[in-house]
C-alpha cells in the first residue's frame, strides 16, 4: 500500500477556505468549525486523520488537541488510520442487518479478500461498518463518499465494484472545494 501523508500545513487556498468557515462563528466560538475543518483535513490527508493532522487542526482553531481527538474518534465518518481510495461503509444496524447487510458485507469481504477495517494491498478499497445511514426503508444500505446505494444485492455490489475498479474511485474528496 502506498505511503500516506501527514498534513501539518494546508496550502493557501485551503487555509483561506478554513478561515472563511471559522469566521462564520462569533469570536471565541471557533470550535464550532471543528466538523467542517476535520472533513477538509481528512480529504487533504488522503482520507484519514493522523495525530499530526489533528494537532494542526487544534492549533488552527485554538483548542486543545484532545478536543479534536474526542470528536474525530466519535464519528464513523472520520478515519484514524490510512484507508483506501474507495471506502465502502456498510450499515450494520438492525433494519439493514435484517434485510441482508451481513450477506452484502461477507460478499464485499470475499470479493476484495479483506475483512472489516482492512484495506486491499493495492490501496484501492477499505471496508468499514457504520451505524445507521438513515435509509432504513431501503435496506441494506452502503455509503461510498457522498453516494448512498440502497436495496443492495450481491449482484448490485458486484456491479458497483466493477465500476469503482474501472474508474479508480476516490471517495474521500474535499466536500468544501
Protein backbone atom coordinates (compact mmCIF):
# COMPACT_ATOMS: atom_id res chain seq x y z
CA UNK A 1 0.00 0.00 0.00
CA UNK A 2 1.21 3.48 -0.79
CA UNK A 3 2.57 5.69 1.96
CA UNK A 4 0.09 8.22 3.31
CA UNK A 5 0.87 11.86 4.08
CA UNK A 6 0.51 13.60 7.42
CA UNK A 7 -0.78 17.10 6.78
CA UNK A 8 0.72 19.61 9.19
CA UNK A 9 0.18 22.64 6.99
CA UNK A 10 -2.52 23.50 4.46
CA UNK A 11 -1.93 25.35 1.22
CA UNK A 12 -3.09 28.96 0.92
CA UNK A 13 -6.35 28.08 -0.84
CA UNK A 14 -7.33 25.58 1.86
CA UNK A 15 -6.34 27.96 4.67
CA UNK A 16 -8.48 30.69 3.10
CA UNK A 17 -11.42 28.29 2.98
CA UNK A 18 -10.91 27.25 6.60
CA UNK A 19 -10.67 30.88 7.71
CA UNK A 20 -13.94 31.66 5.93
CA UNK A 21 -15.58 28.76 7.78
CA UNK A 22 -14.14 29.85 11.14
CA UNK A 23 -15.34 33.41 10.52
CA UNK A 24 -18.95 32.20 10.27
CA UNK A 25 -18.94 31.84 14.05
CA UNK A 26 -18.79 34.51 16.77
CA UNK A 27 -15.43 35.43 18.30
CA UNK A 28 -14.37 32.77 20.79
CA UNK A 29 -16.63 30.13 19.20
CA UNK A 30 -14.16 28.88 16.56
CA UNK A 31 -14.55 25.35 17.92
CA UNK A 32 -17.94 25.36 16.14
CA UNK A 33 -15.99 25.00 12.89
CA UNK A 34 -14.43 21.71 14.01
CA UNK A 35 -16.57 19.29 11.95
CA UNK A 36 -16.15 21.03 8.59
CA UNK A 37 -12.44 21.62 9.25
CA UNK A 38 -11.98 17.92 10.08
CA UNK A 39 -13.72 16.97 6.82
CA UNK A 40 -11.33 19.24 4.92
CA UNK A 41 -8.28 17.94 6.81
CA UNK A 42 -9.26 14.33 6.15
CA UNK A 43 -9.77 14.97 2.44
CA UNK A 44 -6.44 16.77 2.21
CA UNK A 45 -4.72 13.88 4.03
CA UNK A 46 -5.75 11.02 1.68
CA UNK A 47 -8.89 10.18 3.62
CA UNK A 48 -7.64 9.89 7.18
CA UNK A 49 -6.70 11.97 10.22
CA UNK A 50 -3.26 11.37 11.68
CA UNK A 51 -2.33 12.66 15.15
CA UNK A 52 -0.18 15.30 13.49
CA UNK A 53 -3.08 16.45 11.32
CA UNK A 54 -5.45 16.61 14.30
CA UNK A 55 -2.86 18.60 16.28
CA UNK A 56 -2.62 21.03 13.38
CA UNK A 57 -6.42 21.40 13.30
CA UNK A 58 -6.40 22.09 17.05
CA UNK A 59 -3.81 24.83 16.55
CA UNK A 60 -5.87 26.43 13.77
CA UNK A 61 -8.96 26.50 15.99
CA UNK A 62 -7.04 27.45 19.14
CA UNK A 63 -8.39 24.46 21.05
CA UNK A 64 -6.77 21.55 22.85
CA UNK A 65 -5.78 18.52 20.75
CA UNK A 66 -7.92 16.26 22.97
CA UNK A 67 -11.00 18.21 21.86
CA UNK A 68 -10.22 17.29 18.27
CA UNK A 69 -9.43 13.65 19.13
CA UNK A 70 -12.73 13.27 21.01
CA UNK A 71 -14.77 14.40 18.01
CA UNK A 72 -12.72 12.53 15.40
CA UNK A 73 -12.91 9.26 17.34
CA UNK A 74 -16.65 9.58 18.00
CA UNK A 75 -17.90 9.87 14.42
CA UNK A 76 -17.54 6.97 11.99
CA UNK A 77 -17.12 9.41 9.09
CA UNK A 78 -13.59 10.15 10.30
CA UNK A 79 -10.79 7.63 9.77
CA UNK A 80 -7.97 7.47 12.30
CA UNK A 81 -5.80 5.19 10.18
CA UNK A 82 -4.93 5.14 6.47
CA UNK A 83 -7.72 3.99 4.17
CA UNK A 84 -8.04 3.01 0.55
CA UNK A 85 -9.14 5.33 -2.23
CA UNK A 86 -12.64 3.87 -2.01
CA UNK A 87 -14.08 3.45 1.48
CA UNK A 88 -17.13 1.17 1.49
CA UNK A 89 -19.24 1.82 4.57
CA UNK A 90 -21.79 -0.91 5.25
CA UNK A 91 -24.65 -0.08 7.62
CA UNK A 92 -24.86 -2.75 10.29
CA UNK A 93 -27.80 -1.62 12.39
CA UNK A 94 -30.98 -3.67 12.80
CA UNK A 95 -33.02 -2.89 9.67
CA UNK A 96 -30.04 -3.31 7.35
CA UNK A 97 -28.93 -6.49 9.08
CA UNK A 98 -32.44 -7.96 8.91
CA UNK A 99 -32.51 -7.20 5.19
CA UNK A 100 -29.20 -8.80 4.29
CA UNK A 101 -26.38 -6.41 5.22
CA UNK A 102 -24.47 -9.37 6.68
CA UNK A 103 -24.59 -11.11 3.29
CA UNK A 104 -23.51 -7.91 1.50
CA UNK A 105 -20.65 -7.40 3.94
CA UNK A 106 -19.48 -11.01 3.56
CA UNK A 107 -19.70 -10.61 -0.22
CA UNK A 108 -17.51 -7.48 -0.23
CA UNK A 109 -15.01 -9.23 2.07
CA UNK A 110 -14.89 -12.27 -0.17
CA UNK A 111 -14.58 -10.30 -3.41
CA UNK A 112 -11.90 -7.95 -2.07
CA UNK A 113 -10.04 -10.51 0.08
CA UNK A 114 -10.13 -8.29 3.18
CA UNK A 115 -12.10 -8.04 6.41
CA UNK A 116 -13.84 -5.07 8.02
CA UNK A 117 -11.29 -2.40 8.93
CA UNK A 118 -8.77 -3.61 6.36
CA UNK A 119 -7.53 -2.15 3.10
CA UNK A 120 -6.68 -4.08 -0.04
CA UNK A 121 -2.92 -4.44 -0.66
CA UNK A 122 -3.15 -2.15 -3.71
CA UNK A 123 -4.66 0.62 -1.55
CA UNK A 124 -7.87 0.81 -3.57
CA UNK A 125 -10.56 -0.38 -1.12
CA UNK A 126 -11.30 -0.27 2.59
CA UNK A 127 -14.38 -1.84 4.20
CA UNK A 128 -15.98 -0.32 7.31
CA UNK A 129 -19.16 -0.98 9.21
CA UNK A 130 -21.07 2.07 10.39
CA UNK A 131 -24.12 2.88 12.43
CA UNK A 132 -27.39 3.91 10.84
CA UNK A 133 -27.13 5.59 7.44
CA UNK A 134 -30.73 6.85 7.82
CA UNK A 135 -32.18 4.90 4.90
CA UNK A 136 -33.81 2.05 6.80
CA UNK A 137 -36.74 1.78 4.40
CA UNK A 138 -34.31 0.92 1.60
CA UNK A 139 -32.10 -1.52 3.49
CA UNK A 140 -29.49 -2.83 3.10
CA UNK A 141 -27.55 0.37 2.52
CA UNK A 142 -23.92 1.28 1.93
CA UNK A 143 -22.23 4.64 1.58
CA UNK A 144 -19.16 5.46 -0.50
CA UNK A 145 -18.10 9.07 -0.10
CA UNK A 146 -21.28 11.10 -0.56
CA UNK A 147 -23.06 8.38 -2.55
CA UNK A 148 -25.67 6.10 -0.99
CA UNK A 149 -26.51 2.74 -2.53
CA UNK A 150 -29.78 1.30 -1.30
CA UNK A 151 -31.65 -2.00 -1.60
CA UNK A 152 -28.31 -3.61 -2.26
CA UNK A 153 -27.97 -7.16 -3.55
CA UNK A 154 -24.79 -9.13 -4.18
CA UNK A 155 -25.35 -8.58 -7.92
CA UNK A 156 -25.56 -4.79 -7.42
CA UNK A 157 -22.50 -4.97 -5.17
CA UNK A 158 -20.55 -6.70 -7.97
CA UNK A 159 -21.67 -4.07 -10.48
CA UNK A 160 -20.56 -1.28 -8.16
CA UNK A 161 -17.18 -2.91 -7.52
CA UNK A 162 -16.57 -3.31 -11.25
CA UNK A 163 -17.50 0.33 -11.82
CA UNK A 164 -15.29 1.58 -8.97
CA UNK A 165 -12.35 -0.53 -10.11
CA UNK A 166 -12.58 0.73 -13.68
CA UNK A 167 -12.88 4.40 -12.71
CA UNK A 168 -10.35 4.17 -9.86
CA UNK A 169 -12.97 5.54 -7.45
CA UNK A 170 -11.77 8.04 -4.86
CA UNK A 171 -14.37 8.53 -2.16
CA UNK A 172 -12.54 10.98 0.08
CA UNK A 173 -12.55 14.30 -1.67
CA UNK A 174 -12.84 17.73 -0.11
CA UNK A 175 -16.58 18.46 0.11
CA UNK A 176 -15.90 22.19 0.52
CA UNK A 177 -13.90 22.78 -2.66
